[in-house]
Amino acid sequence: MNVITDEKIMKYLDITKRALDKIKIAAPEKSFARRMAEDFENMARSYYSDAVHFKETGDYVNAFASVNYAHGWLDCGARIGLFDVEGDTVLFTLYE
């Protein structure tokens, strides 16, 4: 229970990859919200990339932390309406 197994890290990497593949930026072009959405997506993709790197080097603690940061950016962007996630409450924590 207190161990980050290969199966656990792979599960969270898969969930976050599916979430990354699903998001669509909802904010209109040339808006501040669009720039925020792009930044949120960039942060999520960067943390996801870090997670994959850490997993490949055997650093499961940092991989687990990074994948959770990545998903946090995605959840936040979905919850405040920067991303259209088609109402998906399995991959995202939405407001309603």
N, C-alpha and C. Protein backbone atom coordinates (compact mmCIF):
# COMPACT_ATOMS: atom_id res chain seq x y z
N MET A 1 0.82 -1.20 0.00
CA MET A 1 0.00 0.00 0.00
C MET A 1 0.87 1.26 0.00
N ASN A 2 2.01 1.27 0.61
CA ASN A 2 2.87 2.44 0.67
C ASN A 2 4.00 2.37 -0.36
N VAL A 3 3.79 1.57 -1.41
CA VAL A 3 4.82 1.37 -2.42
C VAL A 3 4.27 1.81 -3.78
N ILE A 4 5.09 2.52 -4.52
CA ILE A 4 4.70 2.90 -5.88
C ILE A 4 5.20 1.80 -6.80
N THR A 5 4.29 0.94 -7.17
CA THR A 5 4.64 -0.21 -8.02
C THR A 5 4.66 0.21 -9.50
N ASP A 6 5.24 -0.63 -10.31
CA ASP A 6 5.23 -0.41 -11.75
C ASP A 6 3.79 -0.33 -12.25
N GLU A 7 2.93 -1.20 -11.75
CA GLU A 7 1.53 -1.20 -12.17
C GLU A 7 0.84 0.11 -11.80
N LYS A 8 1.12 0.62 -10.61
CA LYS A 8 0.48 1.85 -10.16
C LYS A 8 0.94 3.04 -11.01
N ILE A 9 2.23 3.17 -11.24
CA ILE A 9 2.70 4.30 -12.03
C ILE A 9 2.20 4.19 -13.47
N MET A 10 2.15 2.98 -14.02
CA MET A 10 1.64 2.81 -15.38
C MET A 10 0.15 3.18 -15.45
N LYS A 11 -0.60 2.84 -14.42
CA LYS A 11 -2.03 3.19 -14.37
C LYS A 11 -2.21 4.70 -14.43
N TYR A 12 -1.45 5.43 -13.62
CA TYR A 12 -1.60 6.88 -13.58
C TYR A 12 -1.05 7.56 -14.83
N LEU A 13 -0.01 7.02 -15.40
CA LEU A 13 0.50 7.55 -16.67
C LEU A 13 -0.56 7.36 -17.77
N ASP A 14 -1.21 6.21 -17.78
CA ASP A 14 -2.24 5.93 -18.78
C ASP A 14 -3.43 6.87 -18.62
N ILE A 15 -3.89 7.06 -17.40
CA ILE A 15 -5.03 7.94 -17.15
C ILE A 15 -4.72 9.36 -17.62
N THR A 16 -3.54 9.83 -17.26
CA THR A 16 -3.17 11.20 -17.63
C THR A 16 -2.95 11.33 -19.13
N LYS A 17 -2.39 10.33 -19.77
CA LYS A 17 -2.21 10.36 -21.23
C LYS A 17 -3.57 10.42 -21.91
N ARG A 18 -4.53 9.64 -21.43
CA ARG A 18 -5.86 9.68 -22.02
C ARG A 18 -6.51 11.05 -21.82
N ALA A 19 -6.28 11.65 -20.65
CA ALA A 19 -6.81 12.99 -20.39
C ALA A 19 -6.15 14.03 -21.31
N LEU A 20 -4.84 13.94 -21.48
CA LEU A 20 -4.13 14.85 -22.40
C LEU A 20 -4.67 14.72 -23.82
N ASP A 21 -4.96 13.50 -24.24
CA ASP A 21 -5.46 13.26 -25.58
C ASP A 21 -6.89 13.79 -25.76
N LYS A 22 -7.62 13.93 -24.67
CA LYS A 22 -9.03 14.31 -24.75
C LYS A 22 -9.26 15.81 -24.74
N ILE A 23 -8.41 16.56 -24.05
CA ILE A 23 -8.70 17.99 -23.89
C ILE A 23 -8.70 18.72 -25.23
N LYS A 24 -9.60 19.70 -25.28
CA LYS A 24 -9.64 20.64 -26.39
C LYS A 24 -9.73 22.03 -25.75
N ILE A 25 -8.95 22.95 -26.24
CA ILE A 25 -8.99 24.29 -25.67
C ILE A 25 -10.34 24.92 -26.02
N ALA A 26 -11.04 25.39 -24.99
CA ALA A 26 -12.37 25.96 -25.17
C ALA A 26 -12.34 27.47 -25.36
N ALA A 27 -11.30 28.10 -24.90
CA ALA A 27 -11.22 29.56 -24.95
C ALA A 27 -11.02 30.04 -26.39
N PRO A 28 -11.63 31.18 -26.71
CA PRO A 28 -11.49 31.71 -28.08
C PRO A 28 -10.09 32.21 -28.39
N GLU A 29 -9.77 32.16 -29.68
CA GLU A 29 -8.49 32.71 -30.15
C GLU A 29 -8.41 34.17 -29.71
N LYS A 30 -7.20 34.66 -29.57
CA LYS A 30 -6.93 36.06 -29.25
C LYS A 30 -7.54 36.51 -27.92
N SER A 31 -7.74 35.57 -27.00
CA SER A 31 -8.24 35.94 -25.67
C SER A 31 -7.19 35.59 -24.62
N PHE A 32 -7.27 36.29 -23.50
CA PHE A 32 -6.36 35.98 -22.40
C PHE A 32 -6.61 34.56 -21.92
N ALA A 33 -7.86 34.14 -21.91
CA ALA A 33 -8.20 32.78 -21.47
C ALA A 33 -7.52 31.75 -22.37
N ARG A 34 -7.39 32.05 -23.66
CA ARG A 34 -6.71 31.14 -24.58
C ARG A 34 -5.25 30.98 -24.18
N ARG A 35 -4.60 32.09 -23.86
CA ARG A 35 -3.20 32.03 -23.43
C ARG A 35 -3.07 31.24 -22.14
N MET A 36 -4.03 31.42 -21.22
CA MET A 36 -4.00 30.63 -19.99
C MET A 36 -4.18 29.15 -20.29
N ALA A 37 -5.12 28.82 -21.16
CA ALA A 37 -5.38 27.41 -21.52
C ALA A 37 -4.13 26.79 -22.14
N GLU A 38 -3.49 27.51 -23.04
CA GLU A 38 -2.27 27.00 -23.66
C GLU A 38 -1.17 26.79 -22.63
N ASP A 39 -1.09 27.70 -21.67
CA ASP A 39 -0.09 27.56 -20.60
C ASP A 39 -0.41 26.35 -19.72
N PHE A 40 -1.68 26.17 -19.36
CA PHE A 40 -2.08 25.02 -18.55
C PHE A 40 -1.74 23.72 -19.29
N GLU A 41 -2.05 23.69 -20.59
CA GLU A 41 -1.75 22.49 -21.37
C GLU A 41 -0.24 22.25 -21.43
N ASN A 42 0.52 23.29 -21.64
CA ASN A 42 1.98 23.16 -21.69
C ASN A 42 2.53 22.64 -20.36
N MET A 43 2.03 23.16 -19.25
CA MET A 43 2.48 22.69 -17.95
C MET A 43 2.14 21.20 -17.76
N ALA A 44 0.93 20.82 -18.14
CA ALA A 44 0.52 19.42 -18.01
C ALA A 44 1.39 18.51 -18.87
N ARG A 45 1.64 18.91 -20.09
CA ARG A 45 2.46 18.08 -20.98
C ARG A 45 3.91 18.00 -20.49
N SER A 46 4.41 19.10 -19.95
CA SER A 46 5.78 19.11 -19.42
C SER A 46 5.91 18.19 -18.21
N TYR A 47 4.97 18.29 -17.28
CA TYR A 47 5.02 17.40 -16.11
C TYR A 47 4.82 15.95 -16.51
N TYR A 48 3.96 15.70 -17.52
CA TYR A 48 3.76 14.33 -17.99
C TYR A 48 5.07 13.79 -18.57
N SER A 49 5.74 14.61 -19.37
CA SER A 49 7.02 14.21 -19.95
C SER A 49 8.04 13.91 -18.86
N ASP A 50 8.07 14.76 -17.84
CA ASP A 50 8.97 14.52 -16.70
C ASP A 50 8.64 13.18 -16.04
N ALA A 51 7.34 12.91 -15.87
CA ALA A 51 6.92 11.66 -15.23
C ALA A 51 7.41 10.45 -16.02
N VAL A 52 7.27 10.51 -17.33
CA VAL A 52 7.74 9.41 -18.18
C VAL A 52 9.25 9.24 -18.03
N HIS A 53 9.97 10.35 -18.06
CA HIS A 53 11.43 10.29 -17.90
C HIS A 53 11.81 9.67 -16.55
N PHE A 54 11.19 10.14 -15.47
CA PHE A 54 11.51 9.61 -14.15
C PHE A 54 11.18 8.12 -14.06
N LYS A 55 10.06 7.71 -14.66
CA LYS A 55 9.69 6.29 -14.64
C LYS A 55 10.74 5.47 -15.37
N GLU A 56 11.18 5.96 -16.51
CA GLU A 56 12.18 5.23 -17.31
C GLU A 56 13.52 5.12 -16.60
N THR A 57 13.83 6.06 -15.72
CA THR A 57 15.10 6.01 -14.99
C THR A 57 14.95 5.31 -13.64
N GLY A 58 13.74 4.81 -13.36
CA GLY A 58 13.51 4.06 -12.13
C GLY A 58 13.19 4.92 -10.92
N ASP A 59 13.00 6.21 -11.12
CA ASP A 59 12.68 7.14 -10.03
C ASP A 59 11.16 7.25 -9.91
N TYR A 60 10.56 6.24 -9.29
CA TYR A 60 9.10 6.17 -9.22
C TYR A 60 8.48 7.23 -8.33
N VAL A 61 9.19 7.68 -7.32
CA VAL A 61 8.65 8.71 -6.44
C VAL A 61 8.44 10.00 -7.22
N ASN A 62 9.45 10.44 -7.95
CA ASN A 62 9.31 11.67 -8.74
C ASN A 62 8.38 11.46 -9.94
N ALA A 63 8.34 10.26 -10.49
CA ALA A 63 7.41 9.97 -11.57
C ALA A 63 5.98 10.12 -11.08
N PHE A 64 5.70 9.57 -9.91
CA PHE A 64 4.35 9.64 -9.34
C PHE A 64 3.98 11.08 -9.02
N ALA A 65 4.91 11.83 -8.45
CA ALA A 65 4.65 13.24 -8.15
C ALA A 65 4.38 14.02 -9.44
N SER A 66 5.19 13.80 -10.45
CA SER A 66 5.06 14.55 -11.70
C SER A 66 3.76 14.23 -12.43
N VAL A 67 3.37 12.98 -12.47
CA VAL A 67 2.14 12.64 -13.17
C VAL A 67 0.94 13.21 -12.43
N ASN A 68 1.02 13.30 -11.12
CA ASN A 68 -0.09 13.90 -10.38
C ASN A 68 -0.14 15.42 -10.57
N TYR A 69 1.00 16.07 -10.66
CA TYR A 69 1.02 17.50 -11.01
C TYR A 69 0.42 17.70 -12.40
N ALA A 70 0.81 16.86 -13.35
CA ALA A 70 0.28 16.98 -14.71
C ALA A 70 -1.23 16.90 -14.71
N HIS A 71 -1.75 15.91 -14.00
CA HIS A 71 -3.20 15.74 -14.00
C HIS A 71 -3.89 16.87 -13.25
N GLY A 72 -3.23 17.40 -12.25
CA GLY A 72 -3.78 18.55 -11.52
C GLY A 72 -4.00 19.75 -12.44
N TRP A 73 -3.03 20.02 -13.33
CA TRP A 73 -3.19 21.11 -14.30
C TRP A 73 -4.38 20.84 -15.22
N LEU A 74 -4.54 19.59 -15.63
CA LEU A 74 -5.65 19.24 -16.51
C LEU A 74 -6.99 19.38 -15.80
N ASP A 75 -7.07 18.87 -14.58
CA ASP A 75 -8.31 18.99 -13.80
C ASP A 75 -8.68 20.46 -13.59
N CYS A 76 -7.71 21.25 -13.23
CA CYS A 76 -7.97 22.66 -12.98
C CYS A 76 -8.46 23.34 -14.25
N GLY A 77 -7.78 23.10 -15.37
CA GLY A 77 -8.20 23.70 -16.63
C GLY A 77 -9.60 23.27 -17.05
N ALA A 78 -9.93 22.02 -16.81
CA ALA A 78 -11.28 21.53 -17.14
C ALA A 78 -12.31 22.15 -16.20
N ARG A 79 -11.99 22.21 -14.94
CA ARG A 79 -12.94 22.70 -13.93
C ARG A 79 -13.29 24.17 -14.12
N ILE A 80 -12.31 24.97 -14.54
CA ILE A 80 -12.60 26.40 -14.72
C ILE A 80 -13.00 26.75 -16.15
N GLY A 81 -13.12 25.75 -17.03
CA GLY A 81 -13.66 25.96 -18.36
C GLY A 81 -12.66 26.31 -19.43
N LEU A 82 -11.37 26.18 -19.15
CA LEU A 82 -10.38 26.44 -20.20
C LEU A 82 -10.35 25.31 -21.22
N PHE A 83 -10.66 24.10 -20.76
CA PHE A 83 -10.67 22.92 -21.63
C PHE A 83 -12.08 22.38 -21.76
N ASP A 84 -12.41 21.97 -22.95
CA ASP A 84 -13.64 21.22 -23.19
C ASP A 84 -13.27 19.75 -23.07
N VAL A 85 -13.88 19.06 -22.12
CA VAL A 85 -13.60 17.64 -21.91
C VAL A 85 -14.87 16.80 -22.11
N GLU A 86 -15.86 17.42 -22.77
CA GLU A 86 -17.11 16.74 -23.11
C GLU A 86 -17.81 16.15 -21.89
N GLY A 87 -17.72 16.85 -20.75
CA GLY A 87 -18.41 16.39 -19.55
C GLY A 87 -17.85 15.14 -18.91
N ASP A 88 -16.64 14.75 -19.27
CA ASP A 88 -16.02 13.52 -18.76
C ASP A 88 -15.68 13.65 -17.28
N THR A 89 -16.45 12.95 -16.46
CA THR A 89 -16.21 12.98 -15.00
C THR A 89 -15.41 11.75 -14.54
N VAL A 90 -14.93 10.96 -15.47
CA VAL A 90 -14.08 9.83 -15.13
C VAL A 90 -12.62 10.28 -15.15
N LEU A 91 -12.23 10.98 -16.21
CA LEU A 91 -10.86 11.43 -16.33
C LEU A 91 -10.61 12.78 -15.65
N PHE A 92 -11.70 13.54 -15.38
CA PHE A 92 -11.55 14.88 -14.86
C PHE A 92 -12.48 15.11 -13.67
N THR A 93 -12.07 16.04 -12.81
CA THR A 93 -12.90 16.45 -11.68
C THR A 93 -13.55 17.78 -12.08
N LEU A 94 -14.80 17.70 -12.48
CA LEU A 94 -15.51 18.89 -12.93
C LEU A 94 -16.31 19.52 -11.80
N TYR A 95 -16.75 20.73 -12.00
CA TYR A 95 -17.46 21.46 -10.95
C TYR A 95 -18.84 20.86 -10.68
N GLU A 96 -19.57 20.54 -11.72
CA GLU A 96 -20.90 19.95 -11.54
C GLU A 96 -21.02 18.71 -12.38
